[in-house]
N, C-alpha and C. Protein backbone atom coordinates (compact mmCIF):
# COMPACT_ATOMS: atom_id res chain seq x y z
N UNK A 1 87.76 -85.77 -43.35
CA UNK A 1 87.74 -84.33 -43.51
C UNK A 1 87.40 -84.03 -44.97
N UNK A 2 86.48 -83.14 -45.18
CA UNK A 2 86.00 -82.82 -46.51
C UNK A 2 86.48 -81.45 -47.00
N UNK A 3 87.45 -80.86 -46.33
CA UNK A 3 87.91 -79.53 -46.72
C UNK A 3 89.12 -79.62 -47.63
N UNK A 4 89.20 -78.71 -48.58
CA UNK A 4 90.38 -78.57 -49.41
C UNK A 4 91.26 -77.49 -48.79
N UNK A 5 92.53 -77.76 -48.58
CA UNK A 5 93.41 -76.76 -48.03
C UNK A 5 94.86 -77.10 -48.34
N UNK A 6 95.71 -76.13 -48.18
CA UNK A 6 97.15 -76.31 -48.32
C UNK A 6 97.79 -75.89 -47.01
N UNK A 7 98.64 -76.74 -46.49
CA UNK A 7 99.35 -76.45 -45.26
C UNK A 7 100.83 -76.33 -45.60
N UNK A 8 101.43 -75.20 -45.28
CA UNK A 8 102.84 -74.96 -45.57
C UNK A 8 103.51 -74.56 -44.27
N UNK A 9 104.52 -75.31 -43.85
CA UNK A 9 105.17 -75.06 -42.57
C UNK A 9 106.68 -75.24 -42.70
N UNK A 10 107.36 -74.24 -43.26
CA UNK A 10 108.82 -74.36 -43.34
C UNK A 10 109.44 -74.29 -41.94
N UNK A 11 110.41 -75.10 -41.70
CA UNK A 11 111.02 -75.16 -40.37
C UNK A 11 112.54 -75.15 -40.49
N UNK A 12 113.17 -74.31 -39.70
CA UNK A 12 114.63 -74.31 -39.61
C UNK A 12 114.98 -74.65 -38.18
N UNK A 13 115.82 -75.65 -37.99
CA UNK A 13 116.22 -76.08 -36.66
C UNK A 13 117.73 -76.01 -36.55
N UNK A 14 118.22 -75.28 -35.56
CA UNK A 14 119.65 -75.18 -35.29
C UNK A 14 119.99 -76.17 -34.18
N UNK A 15 120.96 -77.01 -34.41
CA UNK A 15 121.40 -77.99 -33.42
C UNK A 15 122.78 -77.63 -32.89
N UNK A 16 123.08 -78.04 -31.69
CA UNK A 16 124.41 -77.87 -31.13
C UNK A 16 124.41 -76.98 -29.91
N UNK A 17 125.48 -77.05 -29.16
CA UNK A 17 125.53 -76.33 -27.90
C UNK A 17 125.63 -74.81 -28.09
N UNK A 18 126.03 -74.35 -29.26
CA UNK A 18 126.10 -72.91 -29.52
C UNK A 18 124.94 -72.42 -30.38
N UNK A 19 123.92 -73.24 -30.56
CA UNK A 19 122.82 -72.88 -31.45
C UNK A 19 122.02 -71.67 -30.94
N UNK A 20 121.98 -71.44 -29.65
CA UNK A 20 121.24 -70.30 -29.11
C UNK A 20 121.84 -68.97 -29.56
N UNK A 21 123.11 -68.97 -29.92
CA UNK A 21 123.74 -67.74 -30.39
C UNK A 21 123.17 -67.27 -31.72
N UNK A 22 122.48 -68.14 -32.44
CA UNK A 22 121.89 -67.79 -33.73
C UNK A 22 120.48 -67.22 -33.60
N UNK A 23 119.92 -67.25 -32.40
CA UNK A 23 118.55 -66.81 -32.19
C UNK A 23 118.34 -65.35 -32.56
N UNK A 24 119.23 -64.49 -32.16
CA UNK A 24 119.07 -63.06 -32.45
C UNK A 24 118.98 -62.79 -33.95
N UNK A 25 119.81 -63.46 -34.74
CA UNK A 25 119.76 -63.30 -36.20
C UNK A 25 118.42 -63.77 -36.76
N UNK A 26 117.90 -64.86 -36.24
CA UNK A 26 116.62 -65.39 -36.70
C UNK A 26 115.48 -64.44 -36.35
N UNK A 27 115.56 -63.80 -35.20
CA UNK A 27 114.47 -62.93 -34.74
C UNK A 27 114.25 -61.72 -35.63
N UNK A 28 115.26 -61.29 -36.35
CA UNK A 28 115.13 -60.12 -37.21
C UNK A 28 114.16 -60.36 -38.35
N UNK A 29 113.85 -61.60 -38.64
CA UNK A 29 112.98 -61.95 -39.77
C UNK A 29 111.50 -61.94 -39.41
N UNK A 30 111.18 -61.70 -38.14
CA UNK A 30 109.80 -61.86 -37.69
C UNK A 30 109.30 -60.61 -36.98
N UNK A 31 108.02 -60.57 -36.70
CA UNK A 31 107.37 -59.43 -36.04
C UNK A 31 107.76 -59.30 -34.58
N UNK A 32 107.01 -58.45 -33.88
CA UNK A 32 107.39 -58.12 -32.51
C UNK A 32 106.94 -59.13 -31.47
N UNK A 33 106.03 -60.04 -31.81
CA UNK A 33 105.53 -61.01 -30.84
C UNK A 33 105.99 -62.42 -31.22
N UNK A 34 106.52 -63.13 -30.24
CA UNK A 34 107.05 -64.48 -30.45
C UNK A 34 106.28 -65.45 -29.57
N UNK A 35 105.90 -66.57 -30.15
CA UNK A 35 105.23 -67.62 -29.37
C UNK A 35 106.23 -68.73 -29.07
N UNK A 36 106.41 -69.02 -27.79
CA UNK A 36 107.27 -70.12 -27.38
C UNK A 36 106.42 -71.37 -27.14
N UNK A 37 106.87 -72.47 -27.69
CA UNK A 37 106.18 -73.74 -27.48
C UNK A 37 107.20 -74.72 -26.89
N UNK A 38 106.87 -75.25 -25.74
CA UNK A 38 107.77 -76.20 -25.08
C UNK A 38 106.95 -77.11 -24.18
N UNK A 39 107.54 -78.20 -23.78
CA UNK A 39 106.82 -79.15 -22.93
C UNK A 39 107.31 -79.11 -21.49
N UNK A 40 106.41 -79.33 -20.62
CA UNK A 40 106.67 -79.41 -19.17
C UNK A 40 107.55 -78.28 -18.67
N UNK A 41 108.45 -78.56 -17.74
CA UNK A 41 109.23 -77.50 -17.10
C UNK A 41 110.74 -77.61 -17.27
N UNK A 42 111.21 -78.54 -18.08
CA UNK A 42 112.66 -78.71 -18.23
C UNK A 42 113.33 -77.44 -18.73
N UNK A 43 112.69 -76.73 -19.65
CA UNK A 43 113.28 -75.51 -20.21
C UNK A 43 113.50 -74.45 -19.11
N UNK A 44 112.64 -74.44 -18.12
CA UNK A 44 112.82 -73.49 -17.01
C UNK A 44 113.80 -74.03 -15.98
N UNK A 45 113.77 -75.31 -15.73
CA UNK A 45 114.65 -75.92 -14.73
C UNK A 45 116.12 -75.82 -15.13
N UNK A 46 116.42 -75.91 -16.43
CA UNK A 46 117.82 -75.87 -16.85
C UNK A 46 118.30 -74.46 -17.21
N UNK A 47 117.43 -73.45 -17.05
CA UNK A 47 117.83 -72.07 -17.28
C UNK A 47 117.69 -71.58 -18.71
N UNK A 48 117.32 -72.44 -19.62
CA UNK A 48 117.20 -72.06 -21.02
C UNK A 48 116.11 -71.01 -21.24
N UNK A 49 115.01 -71.14 -20.53
CA UNK A 49 113.90 -70.19 -20.67
C UNK A 49 114.37 -68.76 -20.35
N UNK A 50 115.07 -68.59 -19.27
CA UNK A 50 115.56 -67.26 -18.89
C UNK A 50 116.52 -66.70 -19.94
N UNK A 51 117.38 -67.55 -20.48
CA UNK A 51 118.31 -67.12 -21.53
C UNK A 51 117.54 -66.65 -22.77
N UNK A 52 116.54 -67.40 -23.15
CA UNK A 52 115.74 -67.04 -24.33
C UNK A 52 114.99 -65.74 -24.09
N UNK A 53 114.40 -65.59 -22.91
CA UNK A 53 113.66 -64.37 -22.60
C UNK A 53 114.57 -63.14 -22.61
N UNK A 54 115.81 -63.30 -22.17
CA UNK A 54 116.78 -62.21 -22.20
C UNK A 54 117.09 -61.81 -23.64
N UNK A 55 117.29 -62.79 -24.50
CA UNK A 55 117.57 -62.53 -25.92
C UNK A 55 116.37 -61.86 -26.58
N UNK A 56 115.17 -62.35 -26.27
CA UNK A 56 113.96 -61.75 -26.84
C UNK A 56 113.81 -60.29 -26.41
N UNK A 57 114.03 -60.01 -25.15
CA UNK A 57 113.90 -58.64 -24.64
C UNK A 57 114.93 -57.73 -25.30
N UNK A 58 116.16 -58.21 -25.45
CA UNK A 58 117.21 -57.40 -26.08
C UNK A 58 116.89 -57.10 -27.54
N UNK A 59 116.14 -58.00 -28.17
CA UNK A 59 115.77 -57.83 -29.57
C UNK A 59 114.46 -57.04 -29.71
N UNK A 60 113.88 -56.62 -28.58
CA UNK A 60 112.64 -55.86 -28.61
C UNK A 60 111.41 -56.70 -28.91
N UNK A 61 111.47 -57.99 -28.61
CA UNK A 61 110.36 -58.91 -28.87
C UNK A 61 109.55 -59.14 -27.62
N UNK A 62 108.26 -59.45 -27.79
CA UNK A 62 107.39 -59.80 -26.68
C UNK A 62 107.01 -61.26 -26.81
N UNK A 63 106.76 -61.89 -25.70
CA UNK A 63 106.30 -63.29 -25.69
C UNK A 63 105.19 -63.41 -24.66
N UNK A 64 104.15 -64.15 -25.03
CA UNK A 64 103.02 -64.35 -24.13
C UNK A 64 102.86 -65.82 -23.83
């Protein structure tokens, strides 16, 4: 690759069984559209996807 560039990707990861409770606080720092990235269907099979979508809707966020 012959391009000069700077890549900056700060990441905060919450671990633990109660980590989803911190999502609403994190959402206040961002715009109205949220991109979810996940693999396969486990997130939907275990119900996590629905929980996240409920939190996003309550916070007035959209996801595509």
